[in-house]
């Protein structure tokens, strides 16, 4: 008799400093109800978020938390306002620090994460932040799948400006009329 593989739930809080020392690795899922900001940003989260998070020290001795996350969310098309499923993928590399001084001394290309005084990290917070950043700025179907029937623009147009008269032409003609009236009186 075979059994289905057991899927583990990623822990919410871990001692990140200890995890880096031990080269800890977490692989599992995060339940949608544990990500309230992501839930508020999309129509719905369709299934559990799968995550793989590794803690280690890099060759320079920095503590690093690296991860990859996948989610399936429903978003609203901004053309036709119907929902569609969107595969969301995010990747992060965070350099873990425990003081503002350490944060400021990181190289510019490194993204730091300031931990609590006790060195604990809220993994769900980090995962949720990166998934939010991976969301499209404007969500919309492919043109072939969209129900908006072409009554939209994606910026592929040339602007046609109708010929308008200069609004100051009238003032010019009034000025000329005033000059001719003044010359006739003399």
N, C-alpha and C. Protein backbone atom coordinates (compact mmCIF):
# COMPACT_ATOMS: atom_id res chain seq x y z
N UNK A 1 0.85 -1.17 0.00
CA UNK A 1 0.00 0.00 0.00
C UNK A 1 0.90 1.24 0.00
N UNK A 2 0.65 2.14 -0.93
CA UNK A 2 1.45 3.36 -0.99
C UNK A 2 0.67 4.52 -0.37
N UNK A 3 1.41 5.46 0.16
CA UNK A 3 0.79 6.64 0.75
C UNK A 3 1.25 7.87 0.01
N UNK A 4 0.39 8.85 0.03
CA UNK A 4 0.73 10.11 -0.63
C UNK A 4 1.85 10.79 0.14
N UNK A 5 2.75 11.50 -0.57
CA UNK A 5 3.83 12.18 0.14
C UNK A 5 3.26 13.26 1.06
N UNK A 6 3.83 13.34 2.24
CA UNK A 6 3.37 14.32 3.21
C UNK A 6 3.97 15.69 2.88
N UNK A 7 3.09 16.68 2.80
CA UNK A 7 3.54 18.03 2.53
C UNK A 7 3.63 18.77 3.85
N UNK A 8 4.78 19.35 4.10
CA UNK A 8 4.95 20.06 5.37
C UNK A 8 4.61 21.54 5.21
N UNK A 9 4.20 22.12 6.30
CA UNK A 9 3.88 23.53 6.33
C UNK A 9 5.13 24.28 6.77
N UNK A 10 5.47 25.33 6.03
CA UNK A 10 6.62 26.16 6.38
C UNK A 10 6.33 26.81 7.74
N UNK A 11 7.28 26.80 8.67
CA UNK A 11 7.02 27.48 9.95
C UNK A 11 6.94 28.99 9.76
N UNK A 12 6.12 29.63 10.56
CA UNK A 12 5.97 31.08 10.46
C UNK A 12 7.21 31.81 10.96
N UNK A 13 7.69 31.44 12.13
CA UNK A 13 8.85 32.12 12.73
C UNK A 13 9.98 31.12 12.93
N UNK A 14 11.19 31.57 12.60
CA UNK A 14 12.38 30.74 12.81
C UNK A 14 13.48 31.62 13.40
N UNK A 15 14.41 30.99 14.08
CA UNK A 15 15.61 31.68 14.54
C UNK A 15 16.54 31.74 13.34
N UNK A 16 16.52 32.87 12.65
CA UNK A 16 17.24 32.99 11.37
C UNK A 16 18.75 32.92 11.55
N UNK A 17 19.28 33.45 12.64
CA UNK A 17 20.72 33.41 12.87
C UNK A 17 21.19 31.97 13.06
N UNK A 18 20.45 31.20 13.83
CA UNK A 18 20.77 29.80 14.06
C UNK A 18 20.60 29.01 12.75
N UNK A 19 19.55 29.33 11.99
CA UNK A 19 19.28 28.64 10.73
C UNK A 19 20.44 28.85 9.74
N UNK A 20 21.01 30.07 9.73
CA UNK A 20 22.15 30.33 8.83
C UNK A 20 23.37 29.52 9.26
N UNK A 21 23.59 29.41 10.54
CA UNK A 21 24.72 28.64 11.06
C UNK A 21 24.58 27.17 10.71
N UNK A 22 23.34 26.67 10.71
CA UNK A 22 23.08 25.25 10.45
C UNK A 22 22.80 24.95 8.98
N UNK A 23 22.86 25.96 8.10
CA UNK A 23 22.50 25.79 6.69
C UNK A 23 21.13 25.12 6.56
N UNK A 24 20.17 25.64 7.28
CA UNK A 24 18.82 25.07 7.30
C UNK A 24 18.10 25.32 5.98
N UNK A 25 17.21 24.41 5.67
CA UNK A 25 16.41 24.51 4.46
C UNK A 25 14.98 24.09 4.79
N UNK A 26 14.02 24.86 4.29
CA UNK A 26 12.61 24.57 4.51
C UNK A 26 11.93 24.46 3.16
N UNK A 27 11.15 23.40 3.01
CA UNK A 27 10.41 23.21 1.77
C UNK A 27 9.01 22.76 2.15
N UNK A 28 8.01 23.45 1.61
CA UNK A 28 6.65 23.08 1.95
C UNK A 28 5.66 24.10 1.43
N UNK A 29 4.57 24.27 2.18
CA UNK A 29 3.49 25.14 1.75
C UNK A 29 3.17 26.19 2.81
N UNK A 30 2.51 27.24 2.37
CA UNK A 30 1.95 28.25 3.26
C UNK A 30 0.48 28.36 2.87
N UNK A 31 -0.38 28.28 3.85
CA UNK A 31 -1.82 28.33 3.59
C UNK A 31 -2.23 29.75 3.19
N UNK A 32 -3.17 29.90 2.25
CA UNK A 32 -3.60 31.22 1.79
C UNK A 32 -4.11 32.15 2.90
N UNK A 33 -4.75 31.59 3.91
CA UNK A 33 -5.29 32.44 4.98
C UNK A 33 -4.20 33.06 5.85
N UNK A 34 -2.97 32.64 5.67
CA UNK A 34 -1.84 33.19 6.41
C UNK A 34 -1.20 34.39 5.70
N UNK A 35 -1.72 34.74 4.53
CA UNK A 35 -1.17 35.84 3.72
C UNK A 35 -2.26 36.89 3.47
N UNK A 36 -2.66 37.66 4.47
CA UNK A 36 -3.79 38.58 4.33
C UNK A 36 -3.56 39.72 3.34
N UNK A 37 -2.34 40.23 3.25
CA UNK A 37 -2.10 41.34 2.31
C UNK A 37 -2.18 40.85 0.86
N UNK A 38 -1.66 39.66 0.60
CA UNK A 38 -1.77 39.10 -0.75
C UNK A 38 -3.23 38.80 -1.08
N UNK A 39 -3.97 38.27 -0.11
CA UNK A 39 -5.40 38.00 -0.31
C UNK A 39 -6.17 39.26 -0.66
N UNK A 40 -5.80 40.37 -0.03
CA UNK A 40 -6.48 41.64 -0.29
C UNK A 40 -6.10 42.22 -1.66
N UNK A 41 -4.94 41.86 -2.19
CA UNK A 41 -4.46 42.43 -3.45
C UNK A 41 -4.97 41.69 -4.68
N UNK A 42 -5.50 40.48 -4.48
CA UNK A 42 -5.99 39.68 -5.60
C UNK A 42 -7.45 39.31 -5.35
N UNK A 43 -8.10 38.76 -6.36
CA UNK A 43 -9.47 38.30 -6.18
C UNK A 43 -9.49 37.12 -5.21
N UNK A 44 -8.59 36.16 -5.43
CA UNK A 44 -8.46 35.02 -4.52
C UNK A 44 -7.12 34.33 -4.75
N UNK A 45 -6.69 33.62 -3.73
CA UNK A 45 -5.52 32.75 -3.84
C UNK A 45 -6.08 31.36 -4.06
N UNK A 46 -5.77 30.74 -5.20
CA UNK A 46 -6.41 29.49 -5.62
C UNK A 46 -5.95 28.25 -4.86
N UNK A 47 -4.69 28.26 -4.41
CA UNK A 47 -4.17 27.08 -3.69
C UNK A 47 -3.04 27.52 -2.77
N UNK A 48 -2.52 26.58 -2.03
CA UNK A 48 -1.43 26.87 -1.11
C UNK A 48 -0.22 27.41 -1.88
N UNK A 49 0.52 28.27 -1.23
CA UNK A 49 1.76 28.78 -1.81
C UNK A 49 2.85 27.75 -1.54
N UNK A 50 3.55 27.34 -2.58
CA UNK A 50 4.68 26.42 -2.37
C UNK A 50 5.93 27.26 -2.20
N UNK A 51 6.75 26.84 -1.24
CA UNK A 51 7.94 27.63 -0.92
C UNK A 51 9.13 26.74 -0.64
N UNK A 52 10.28 27.27 -1.00
CA UNK A 52 11.56 26.63 -0.65
C UNK A 52 12.45 27.77 -0.15
N UNK A 53 12.90 27.66 1.10
CA UNK A 53 13.70 28.71 1.71
C UNK A 53 14.97 28.09 2.27
N UNK A 54 16.11 28.68 1.89
CA UNK A 54 17.41 28.22 2.36
C UNK A 54 18.09 29.32 3.16
N UNK A 55 18.74 28.93 4.24
CA UNK A 55 19.55 29.83 5.06
C UNK A 55 20.99 29.37 4.97
N UNK A 56 21.91 30.32 4.80
CA UNK A 56 23.33 29.98 4.72
C UNK A 56 24.18 31.23 4.91
N UNK A 57 25.47 31.02 4.98
CA UNK A 57 26.43 32.12 4.97
C UNK A 57 27.11 32.11 3.62
N UNK A 58 27.19 33.28 2.97
CA UNK A 58 27.84 33.33 1.66
C UNK A 58 29.35 33.39 1.83
N UNK A 59 30.07 33.48 0.71
CA UNK A 59 31.55 33.46 0.75
C UNK A 59 32.13 34.67 1.48
N UNK A 60 31.38 35.74 1.61
CA UNK A 60 31.85 36.92 2.35
C UNK A 60 31.48 36.86 3.83
N UNK A 61 30.76 35.84 4.23
CA UNK A 61 30.38 35.68 5.62
C UNK A 61 29.03 36.28 5.98
N UNK A 62 28.35 36.86 5.01
CA UNK A 62 27.02 37.42 5.28
C UNK A 62 26.01 36.30 5.48
N UNK A 63 25.04 36.53 6.37
CA UNK A 63 23.93 35.60 6.55
C UNK A 63 22.90 35.89 5.47
N UNK A 64 22.49 34.85 4.77
CA UNK A 64 21.58 35.02 3.63
C UNK A 64 20.38 34.09 3.77
N UNK A 65 19.22 34.63 3.42
CA UNK A 65 18.00 33.82 3.30
C UNK A 65 17.59 33.91 1.83
N UNK A 66 17.54 32.76 1.18
CA UNK A 66 17.21 32.70 -0.24
C UNK A 66 15.97 31.84 -0.41
N UNK A 67 15.08 32.24 -1.32
CA UNK A 67 13.88 31.45 -1.48
C UNK A 67 13.23 31.60 -2.83
N UNK A 68 12.38 30.62 -3.14
CA UNK A 68 11.56 30.65 -4.35
C UNK A 68 10.14 30.26 -3.95
N UNK A 69 9.17 30.97 -4.54
CA UNK A 69 7.77 30.77 -4.17
C UNK A 69 6.90 30.74 -5.42
N UNK A 70 5.89 29.89 -5.36
CA UNK A 70 4.93 29.79 -6.45
C UNK A 70 3.52 29.82 -5.88
N UNK A 71 2.65 30.55 -6.55
CA UNK A 71 1.25 30.64 -6.15
C UNK A 71 0.39 30.75 -7.40
N UNK A 72 -0.85 30.34 -7.26
CA UNK A 72 -1.83 30.53 -8.31
C UNK A 72 -2.89 31.45 -7.73
N UNK A 73 -3.04 32.63 -8.35
CA UNK A 73 -4.00 33.61 -7.85
C UNK A 73 -4.97 33.97 -8.96
N UNK A 74 -6.14 34.45 -8.57
CA UNK A 74 -7.11 34.99 -9.54
C UNK A 74 -7.01 36.50 -9.44
N UNK A 75 -6.88 37.14 -10.61
CA UNK A 75 -6.81 38.59 -10.68
C UNK A 75 -7.89 39.08 -11.63
N UNK A 76 -8.17 40.37 -11.58
CA UNK A 76 -9.21 40.95 -12.42
C UNK A 76 -8.58 41.61 -13.64
N UNK A 77 -9.06 41.23 -14.82
CA UNK A 77 -8.60 41.85 -16.06
C UNK A 77 -9.06 43.31 -16.07
N UNK A 78 -8.15 44.21 -16.32
CA UNK A 78 -8.48 45.63 -16.30
C UNK A 78 -9.11 46.11 -17.61
N UNK A 79 -9.21 45.22 -18.60
CA UNK A 79 -9.90 45.56 -19.85
C UNK A 79 -11.38 45.18 -19.76
N UNK A 80 -11.64 43.90 -19.39
CA UNK A 80 -13.02 43.40 -19.43
C UNK A 80 -13.60 43.16 -18.04
N UNK A 81 -12.81 43.33 -17.01
CA UNK A 81 -13.21 43.20 -15.61
C UNK A 81 -13.65 41.79 -15.21
N UNK A 82 -13.28 40.79 -15.99
CA UNK A 82 -13.53 39.41 -15.58
C UNK A 82 -12.25 38.87 -14.92
N UNK A 83 -12.39 37.80 -14.15
CA UNK A 83 -11.22 37.24 -13.45
C UNK A 83 -10.55 36.18 -14.30
N UNK A 84 -9.27 36.02 -14.05
CA UNK A 84 -8.52 34.95 -14.68
C UNK A 84 -7.40 34.52 -13.75
N UNK A 85 -6.92 33.29 -13.95
CA UNK A 85 -5.86 32.74 -13.11
C UNK A 85 -4.51 33.23 -13.59
N UNK A 86 -3.65 33.53 -12.62
CA UNK A 86 -2.32 34.05 -12.92
C UNK A 86 -1.30 33.27 -12.09
N UNK A 87 -0.31 32.67 -12.77
CA UNK A 87 0.76 31.96 -12.07
C UNK A 87 1.76 32.99 -11.55
N UNK A 88 1.92 32.99 -10.28
CA UNK A 88 2.79 33.97 -9.62
C UNK A 88 4.05 33.26 -9.16
N UNK A 89 5.20 33.79 -9.55
CA UNK A 89 6.48 33.22 -9.15
C UNK A 89 7.35 34.34 -8.60
N UNK A 90 7.97 34.10 -7.47
CA UNK A 90 8.85 35.10 -6.87
C UNK A 90 10.11 34.42 -6.37
N UNK A 91 11.17 35.20 -6.37
CA UNK A 91 12.46 34.74 -5.86
C UNK A 91 13.03 35.84 -5.00
N UNK A 92 13.70 35.46 -3.89
CA UNK A 92 14.30 36.47 -3.03
C UNK A 92 15.66 36.02 -2.54
N UNK A 93 16.49 37.00 -2.28
CA UNK A 93 17.77 36.84 -1.63
C UNK A 93 17.90 37.99 -0.65
N UNK A 94 17.78 37.70 0.63
CA UNK A 94 17.85 38.73 1.65
C UNK A 94 19.07 38.51 2.53
N UNK A 95 19.77 39.59 2.80
CA UNK A 95 20.92 39.55 3.69
C UNK A 95 20.43 39.92 5.08
N UNK A 96 20.60 39.01 6.02
CA UNK A 96 20.04 39.16 7.36
C UNK A 96 20.98 39.94 8.26
N UNK A 97 20.45 40.97 8.89
CA UNK A 97 21.24 41.80 9.81
C UNK A 97 20.45 42.00 11.10
N UNK A 98 21.17 42.35 12.18
CA UNK A 98 20.50 42.51 13.47
C UNK A 98 20.62 43.93 14.01
N UNK A 99 21.24 44.84 13.23
CA UNK A 99 21.32 46.23 13.67
C UNK A 99 21.29 47.17 12.46
N UNK A 100 20.92 48.42 12.73
CA UNK A 100 20.89 49.44 11.69
C UNK A 100 22.29 49.65 11.10
N UNK A 101 23.31 49.56 11.93
CA UNK A 101 24.69 49.74 11.47
C UNK A 101 25.06 48.67 10.44
N UNK A 102 24.70 47.42 10.73
CA UNK A 102 24.96 46.34 9.78
C UNK A 102 24.18 46.56 8.49
N UNK A 103 22.96 47.03 8.61
CA UNK A 103 22.12 47.28 7.44
C UNK A 103 22.76 48.33 6.54
N UNK A 104 23.26 49.39 7.13
CA UNK A 104 23.88 50.48 6.36
C UNK A 104 25.22 50.07 5.75
N UNK A 105 25.88 49.09 6.35
CA UNK A 105 27.20 48.68 5.84
C UNK A 105 27.12 47.61 4.74
N UNK A 106 25.91 47.13 4.43
CA UNK A 106 25.78 46.16 3.34
C UNK A 106 26.13 46.80 2.01
N UNK A 107 26.71 46.03 1.09
CA UNK A 107 26.93 46.57 -0.27
C UNK A 107 25.61 46.99 -0.89
N UNK A 108 25.66 47.99 -1.76
CA UNK A 108 24.44 48.56 -2.36
C UNK A 108 23.60 47.53 -3.12
N UNK A 109 24.23 46.53 -3.71
CA UNK A 109 23.48 45.54 -4.50
C UNK A 109 22.78 44.50 -3.63
N UNK A 110 22.99 44.55 -2.33
CA UNK A 110 22.38 43.60 -1.41
C UNK A 110 21.14 44.18 -0.76
N UNK A 111 20.09 43.36 -0.70
CA UNK A 111 18.86 43.77 -0.02
C UNK A 111 18.89 43.21 1.39
N UNK A 112 18.91 44.09 2.37
CA UNK A 112 18.99 43.65 3.75
C UNK A 112 17.63 43.50 4.40
N UNK A 113 17.60 42.66 5.43
CA UNK A 113 16.39 42.47 6.23
C UNK A 113 16.78 42.56 7.68
N UNK A 114 16.28 43.56 8.35
CA UNK A 114 16.58 43.80 9.75
C UNK A 114 15.71 42.89 10.61
N UNK A 115 16.36 41.98 11.35
CA UNK A 115 15.64 41.01 12.18
C UNK A 115 15.28 41.62 13.53
N UNK A 116 14.42 40.92 14.27
CA UNK A 116 14.11 41.29 15.64
C UNK A 116 15.37 41.20 16.49
N UNK A 117 15.30 41.73 17.70
CA UNK A 117 16.46 41.69 18.61
C UNK A 117 16.91 40.26 18.90
N UNK A 118 15.96 39.33 18.93
CA UNK A 118 16.29 37.94 19.24
C UNK A 118 16.72 37.14 18.00
N UNK A 119 16.77 37.77 16.83
CA UNK A 119 17.22 37.11 15.61
C UNK A 119 16.15 36.29 14.92
N UNK A 120 14.90 36.43 15.37
CA UNK A 120 13.82 35.68 14.74
C UNK A 120 13.33 36.37 13.47
N UNK A 121 12.88 35.55 12.54
CA UNK A 121 12.37 36.06 11.26
C UNK A 121 10.97 35.51 11.04
N UNK A 122 10.08 36.37 10.56
CA UNK A 122 8.73 35.96 10.18
C UNK A 122 8.78 35.60 8.69
N UNK A 123 8.86 34.31 8.39
CA UNK A 123 9.00 33.86 7.01
C UNK A 123 7.80 34.21 6.16
N UNK A 124 6.61 34.17 6.73
CA UNK A 124 5.42 34.48 5.97
C UNK A 124 5.43 35.94 5.51
N UNK A 125 5.94 36.81 6.35
CA UNK A 125 6.03 38.23 5.99
C UNK A 125 6.95 38.41 4.78
N UNK A 126 8.09 37.74 4.80
CA UNK A 126 9.04 37.86 3.68
C UNK A 126 8.47 37.27 2.40
N UNK A 127 7.84 36.12 2.50
CA UNK A 127 7.25 35.47 1.33
C UNK A 127 6.14 36.34 0.75
N UNK A 128 5.27 36.84 1.63
CA UNK A 128 4.15 37.67 1.17
C UNK A 128 4.65 38.94 0.49
N UNK A 129 5.68 39.56 1.03
CA UNK A 129 6.23 40.78 0.44
C UNK A 129 6.73 40.52 -0.98
N UNK A 130 7.45 39.44 -1.16
CA UNK A 130 7.98 39.15 -2.49
C UNK A 130 6.89 38.74 -3.48
N UNK A 131 5.87 38.05 -3.02
CA UNK A 131 4.76 37.71 -3.91
C UNK A 131 3.99 38.97 -4.31
N UNK A 132 3.82 39.91 -3.39
CA UNK A 132 3.16 41.17 -3.74
C UNK A 132 3.96 41.94 -4.79
N UNK A 133 5.27 41.93 -4.65
CA UNK A 133 6.12 42.63 -5.63
C UNK A 133 6.10 41.94 -6.99
N UNK A 134 5.80 40.64 -7.01
CA UNK A 134 5.77 39.89 -8.27
C UNK A 134 4.44 40.03 -9.02
N UNK A 135 3.42 40.59 -8.36
CA UNK A 135 2.13 40.79 -9.04
C UNK A 135 2.29 41.76 -10.20
N UNK A 136 1.52 41.57 -11.27
CA UNK A 136 1.60 42.54 -12.38
C UNK A 136 1.04 43.89 -11.94
N UNK A 137 1.61 44.96 -12.46
CA UNK A 137 1.13 46.29 -12.12
C UNK A 137 -0.30 46.46 -12.63
N UNK A 138 -0.53 46.03 -13.87
CA UNK A 138 -1.88 46.04 -14.46
C UNK A 138 -2.12 44.65 -15.02
N UNK A 139 -3.14 43.99 -14.54
CA UNK A 139 -3.44 42.63 -15.00
C UNK A 139 -4.45 42.67 -16.14
N UNK A 140 -4.17 41.91 -17.19
CA UNK A 140 -5.12 41.79 -18.29
C UNK A 140 -4.87 40.52 -19.07
N UNK A 141 -5.95 40.01 -19.66
CA UNK A 141 -5.87 38.82 -20.51
C UNK A 141 -5.00 39.10 -21.73
N UNK A 142 -4.66 38.03 -22.43
CA UNK A 142 -4.12 38.20 -23.78
C UNK A 142 -5.27 38.73 -24.63
N UNK A 143 -4.95 39.48 -25.68
CA UNK A 143 -6.00 40.06 -26.52
C UNK A 143 -6.98 39.01 -27.04
N UNK A 144 -6.47 37.84 -27.40
CA UNK A 144 -7.34 36.79 -27.95
C UNK A 144 -8.31 36.24 -26.91
N UNK A 145 -7.94 36.28 -25.64
CA UNK A 145 -8.79 35.72 -24.58
C UNK A 145 -9.70 36.75 -23.92
N UNK A 146 -9.48 38.02 -24.20
CA UNK A 146 -10.19 39.08 -23.50
C UNK A 146 -11.58 39.27 -24.09
N UNK A 147 -12.56 39.51 -23.23
CA UNK A 147 -13.95 39.69 -23.64
C UNK A 147 -14.27 41.15 -23.94
N UNK A 148 -13.30 42.03 -23.90
CA UNK A 148 -13.56 43.46 -24.09
C UNK A 148 -13.84 43.83 -25.54
N UNK A 149 -13.69 42.90 -26.46
CA UNK A 149 -14.03 43.07 -27.87
C UNK A 149 -13.35 44.26 -28.54
N UNK A 150 -12.14 44.55 -28.14
CA UNK A 150 -11.37 45.58 -28.83
C UNK A 150 -11.72 47.00 -28.47
N UNK A 151 -12.56 47.23 -27.48
CA UNK A 151 -12.91 48.59 -27.09
C UNK A 151 -11.95 49.10 -26.03
N UNK A 152 -10.68 48.92 -26.29
CA UNK A 152 -9.66 49.33 -25.34
C UNK A 152 -8.42 49.72 -26.12
N UNK A 153 -7.50 50.31 -25.42
CA UNK A 153 -6.25 50.70 -26.04
C UNK A 153 -5.10 50.20 -25.19
N UNK A 154 -4.07 49.74 -25.84
CA UNK A 154 -2.87 49.32 -25.12
C UNK A 154 -1.71 50.27 -25.40
N UNK A 155 -2.01 51.42 -25.95
CA UNK A 155 -0.96 52.39 -26.24
C UNK A 155 -0.47 52.32 -27.68
N UNK A 156 -0.97 51.37 -28.46
CA UNK A 156 -0.56 51.22 -29.85
C UNK A 156 -1.46 52.06 -30.75
N UNK A 157 -1.35 53.37 -30.65
CA UNK A 157 -2.18 54.23 -31.47
C UNK A 157 -1.44 55.53 -31.73
N UNK A 158 -1.90 56.24 -32.74
CA UNK A 158 -1.37 57.57 -32.98
C UNK A 158 -2.46 58.56 -32.63
N UNK A 159 -2.07 59.55 -31.90
CA UNK A 159 -3.04 60.53 -31.43
C UNK A 159 -3.39 61.49 -32.55
N UNK A 160 -4.68 61.65 -32.78
CA UNK A 160 -5.16 62.57 -33.80
C UNK A 160 -5.67 63.81 -33.08
N UNK A 161 -5.03 64.94 -33.37
CA UNK A 161 -5.43 66.19 -32.75
C UNK A 161 -6.19 67.00 -33.78
N UNK A 162 -7.45 67.32 -33.49
CA UNK A 162 -8.22 68.10 -34.47
C UNK A 162 -7.64 69.50 -34.60
N UNK A 163 -7.82 70.06 -35.80
CA UNK A 163 -7.35 71.44 -36.02
C UNK A 163 -8.19 72.37 -35.18
N UNK A 164 -7.54 73.07 -34.30
CA UNK A 164 -8.23 74.04 -33.46
C UNK A 164 -7.67 75.42 -33.77
N UNK A 165 -8.53 76.38 -33.68
CA UNK A 165 -8.07 77.76 -33.87
C UNK A 165 -7.35 78.19 -32.61
N UNK A 166 -6.43 79.06 -32.80
CA UNK A 166 -5.71 79.63 -31.68
C UNK A 166 -6.69 80.47 -30.87
N UNK A 167 -6.83 80.22 -29.57
CA UNK A 167 -7.79 80.98 -28.78
C UNK A 167 -7.42 82.45 -28.66
N UNK A 168 -6.20 82.81 -28.95
CA UNK A 168 -5.77 84.20 -28.86
C UNK A 168 -6.00 84.98 -30.15
N UNK A 169 -6.43 84.28 -31.22
CA UNK A 169 -6.76 84.97 -32.47
C UNK A 169 -7.87 85.98 -32.26
N UNK A 170 -8.82 85.63 -31.45
CA UNK A 170 -9.95 86.53 -31.18
C UNK A 170 -9.45 87.80 -30.53
N UNK A 171 -8.53 87.66 -29.57
CA UNK A 171 -7.97 88.84 -28.91
C UNK A 171 -7.22 89.72 -29.91
N UNK A 172 -6.50 89.08 -30.83
CA UNK A 172 -5.78 89.84 -31.86
C UNK A 172 -6.74 90.62 -32.76
N UNK A 173 -7.84 89.97 -33.12
CA UNK A 173 -8.80 90.69 -33.98
C UNK A 173 -9.48 91.82 -33.21
N UNK A 174 -9.74 91.63 -31.92
CA UNK A 174 -10.30 92.71 -31.11
C UNK A 174 -9.33 93.88 -31.01
N UNK A 175 -8.06 93.58 -30.87
CA UNK A 175 -7.04 94.63 -30.77
C UNK A 175 -6.98 95.43 -32.08
N UNK A 176 -7.05 94.73 -33.21
CA UNK A 176 -7.05 95.40 -34.51
C UNK A 176 -8.29 96.27 -34.68
N UNK A 177 -9.42 95.74 -34.24
CA UNK A 177 -10.69 96.51 -34.35
C UNK A 177 -10.62 97.76 -33.50
N UNK A 178 -10.03 97.68 -32.34
CA UNK A 178 -9.90 98.85 -31.46
C UNK A 178 -8.98 99.88 -32.08
N UNK A 179 -7.91 99.47 -32.72
CA UNK A 179 -6.98 100.41 -33.36
C UNK A 179 -7.65 101.13 -34.52
N UNK A 180 -8.43 100.42 -35.32
CA UNK A 180 -9.11 101.08 -36.46
C UNK A 180 -10.17 102.02 -35.96
N UNK A 181 -10.86 101.71 -34.87
CA UNK A 181 -11.85 102.64 -34.30
C UNK A 181 -11.19 103.91 -33.79
N UNK A 182 -10.03 103.78 -33.16
CA UNK A 182 -9.31 104.93 -32.65
C UNK A 182 -8.81 105.82 -33.78
N UNK A 183 -8.36 105.24 -34.88
CA UNK A 183 -7.84 106.04 -36.00
C UNK A 183 -8.96 106.75 -36.75
N UNK A 184 -10.15 106.18 -36.78
CA UNK A 184 -11.30 106.83 -37.44
C UNK A 184 -11.78 108.03 -36.66
N UNK A 185 -11.65 108.02 -35.33
CA UNK A 185 -12.11 109.13 -34.51
C UNK A 185 -11.21 110.34 -34.70
N UNK A 186 -10.00 110.22 -35.03
CA UNK A 186 -9.09 111.35 -35.17
C UNK A 186 -9.21 111.99 -36.46
